[in-house]
Amino acid sequence: MNIKDAALYSGLPAKTIRYYDEIGLISPPRDDNGYRTFEKTELHQLVFVAHARALGFTIEDCRALLMLYKDDQRASADVKRIANEHLKHIETKISDLETMRDTLSHLINECHGDQRPDCPILDNFRGRD
């Protein structure tokens, strides 16, 4: 299968697939003419990475997860450790976003939104003197 068909199959842009090949995340074989060919193994790896990336895993996490996926002797504890670390990062981001939402909501509520120049939102952005 060529890269265009692999892109359709995996839902990834061809440019992303090329990038994954360049960084060694996937390694599709090449024809005599130098074009990448995608067999079932590479297609499954692309779908695997697409799903992991959709959940926000980093490229390096994907690399580690792919290695574990390919290893029949893997310990599921290793997979769970990576997933737990990622979940901690997600929870931190959620907490940070909730703090941002609360702060911005408070500032919006404090702003009269009228013709006067005073604006608590801008005052907050300016910081303390």
Protein backbone atom coordinates (compact mmCIF):
# COMPACT_ATOMS: atom_id res chain seq x y z
CA MET A 1 0.00 0.00 0.00
CA ASN A 2 1.33 3.47 -0.80
CA ILE A 3 1.47 6.41 1.60
CA LYS A 4 -1.75 7.96 0.28
CA ASP A 5 -3.68 4.76 1.01
CA ALA A 6 -1.91 4.37 4.37
CA ALA A 7 -3.01 7.90 5.24
CA LEU A 8 -6.61 7.09 4.38
CA TYR A 9 -6.45 3.83 6.33
CA SER A 10 -4.89 5.34 9.46
CA GLY A 11 -6.55 8.74 9.41
CA LEU A 12 -3.14 10.42 9.56
CA PRO A 13 -1.93 12.99 7.05
CA ALA A 14 0.77 11.72 4.70
CA LYS A 15 3.05 14.49 5.99
CA THR A 16 2.71 13.10 9.53
CA ILE A 17 3.47 9.59 8.31
CA ARG A 18 6.60 10.87 6.57
CA TYR A 19 7.63 12.61 9.78
CA TYR A 20 7.10 9.44 11.82
CA ASP A 21 9.32 7.62 9.33
CA GLU A 22 12.00 10.34 9.48
CA ILE A 23 12.22 10.13 13.28
CA GLY A 24 12.19 6.33 13.23
CA LEU A 25 8.85 5.90 14.97
CA ILE A 26 7.74 3.65 12.13
CA SER A 27 9.95 2.07 9.49
CA PRO A 28 8.04 1.05 6.40
CA PRO A 29 10.05 -0.85 3.81
CA ARG A 30 10.77 0.82 0.50
CA ASP A 31 10.29 -0.39 -3.04
CA ASP A 32 13.14 -0.45 -5.52
CA ASN A 33 12.02 3.02 -6.62
CA GLY A 34 12.42 4.32 -3.03
CA TYR A 35 8.73 4.70 -2.28
CA ARG A 36 7.46 3.61 1.11
CA THR A 37 5.26 0.53 1.11
CA PHE A 38 2.91 -0.16 3.96
CA GLU A 39 2.04 -3.70 4.89
CA LYS A 40 -0.34 -4.81 7.66
CA THR A 41 2.32 -4.40 10.33
CA GLU A 42 3.04 -0.78 9.46
CA LEU A 43 -0.65 0.02 9.03
CA HIS A 44 -1.40 -1.37 12.49
CA GLN A 45 1.46 0.67 13.92
CA LEU A 46 0.11 3.82 12.29
CA VAL A 47 -3.37 3.23 13.70
CA PHE A 48 -1.81 2.45 17.09
CA VAL A 49 0.15 5.71 17.08
CA ALA A 50 -2.86 7.68 15.80
CA HIS A 51 -4.95 6.44 18.73
CA ALA A 52 -2.19 7.10 21.26
CA ARG A 53 -1.59 10.61 19.89
CA ALA A 54 -5.35 11.29 19.97
CA LEU A 55 -5.13 10.60 23.71
CA GLY A 56 -2.29 13.11 23.96
CA PHE A 57 0.65 10.76 24.40
CA THR A 58 3.97 12.28 23.37
CA ILE A 59 6.03 10.92 20.50
CA GLU A 60 8.46 9.41 23.01
CA ASP A 61 5.59 7.79 24.92
CA CYS A 62 4.33 6.39 21.61
CA ARG A 63 7.79 5.06 20.86
CA ALA A 64 7.91 3.30 24.26
CA LEU A 65 4.36 1.99 23.90
CA LEU A 66 5.10 0.67 20.39
CA MET A 67 8.16 -1.14 21.70
CA LEU A 68 6.05 -2.70 24.44
CA TYR A 69 3.32 -3.55 21.91
CA LYS A 70 5.87 -5.40 19.77
CA ASP A 71 7.35 -7.25 22.78
CA ASP A 72 5.51 -10.50 23.53
CA GLN A 73 7.37 -10.69 26.86
CA ARG A 74 6.25 -7.24 28.00
CA ALA A 75 4.89 -6.62 31.45
CA SER A 76 1.56 -4.84 31.44
CA ALA A 77 2.85 -2.94 34.48
CA ASP A 78 5.22 -1.08 32.15
CA VAL A 79 2.34 -0.03 29.93
CA LYS A 80 0.26 0.98 32.94
CA ARG A 81 3.13 3.07 34.31
CA ILE A 82 3.36 5.08 31.09
CA ALA A 83 -0.42 5.53 30.99
CA ASN A 84 -0.53 6.59 34.65
CA GLU A 85 2.21 9.18 34.10
CA HIS A 86 0.29 10.57 31.15
CA LEU A 87 -2.92 10.67 33.18
CA LYS A 88 -1.11 12.71 35.86
CA HIS A 89 -0.08 15.22 33.17
CA ILE A 90 -3.68 15.41 31.92
CA GLU A 91 -5.01 15.95 35.43
CA THR A 92 -2.48 18.75 35.99
CA LYS A 93 -3.53 20.39 32.73
CA ILE A 94 -7.20 20.12 33.71
CA SER A 95 -6.46 21.70 37.07
CA ASP A 96 -4.51 24.51 35.39
CA LEU A 97 -7.36 25.10 32.93
CA GLU A 98 -9.92 25.18 35.74
CA THR A 99 -7.81 27.79 37.55
CA MET A 100 -7.57 29.83 34.36
CA ARG A 101 -11.33 29.56 33.83
CA ASP A 102 -12.09 30.64 37.39
CA THR A 103 -9.70 33.60 37.22
CA LEU A 104 -11.00 34.78 33.87
CA SER A 105 -14.62 34.30 34.96
CA HIS A 106 -13.96 36.40 38.07
CA LEU A 107 -12.31 39.14 36.01
CA ILE A 108 -15.17 39.19 33.53
CA ASN A 109 -17.68 39.46 36.37
CA GLU A 110 -15.70 42.36 37.90
CA CYS A 111 -15.59 44.29 34.62
CA HIS A 112 -18.58 46.61 34.17
CA GLY A 113 -18.31 46.43 30.39
CA ASP A 114 -19.51 50.01 30.03
CA GLN A 115 -18.11 53.22 28.56
CA ARG A 116 -15.76 53.87 31.48
CA PRO A 117 -12.03 53.22 30.95
CA ASP A 118 -11.54 51.20 34.17
CA CYS A 119 -11.19 47.53 33.41
CA PRO A 120 -10.22 44.91 36.00
CA ILE A 121 -9.24 42.55 33.20
CA LEU A 122 -6.60 44.93 31.84
CA ASP A 123 -5.53 45.89 35.36
CA ASN A 124 -4.91 42.24 36.11
CA PHE A 125 -2.87 41.76 32.94
CA ARG A 126 -0.75 44.78 33.83
CA GLY A 127 0.24 43.25 37.15
CA ARG A 128 1.24 45.05 40.29
CA ASP A 129 3.16 48.32 40.29
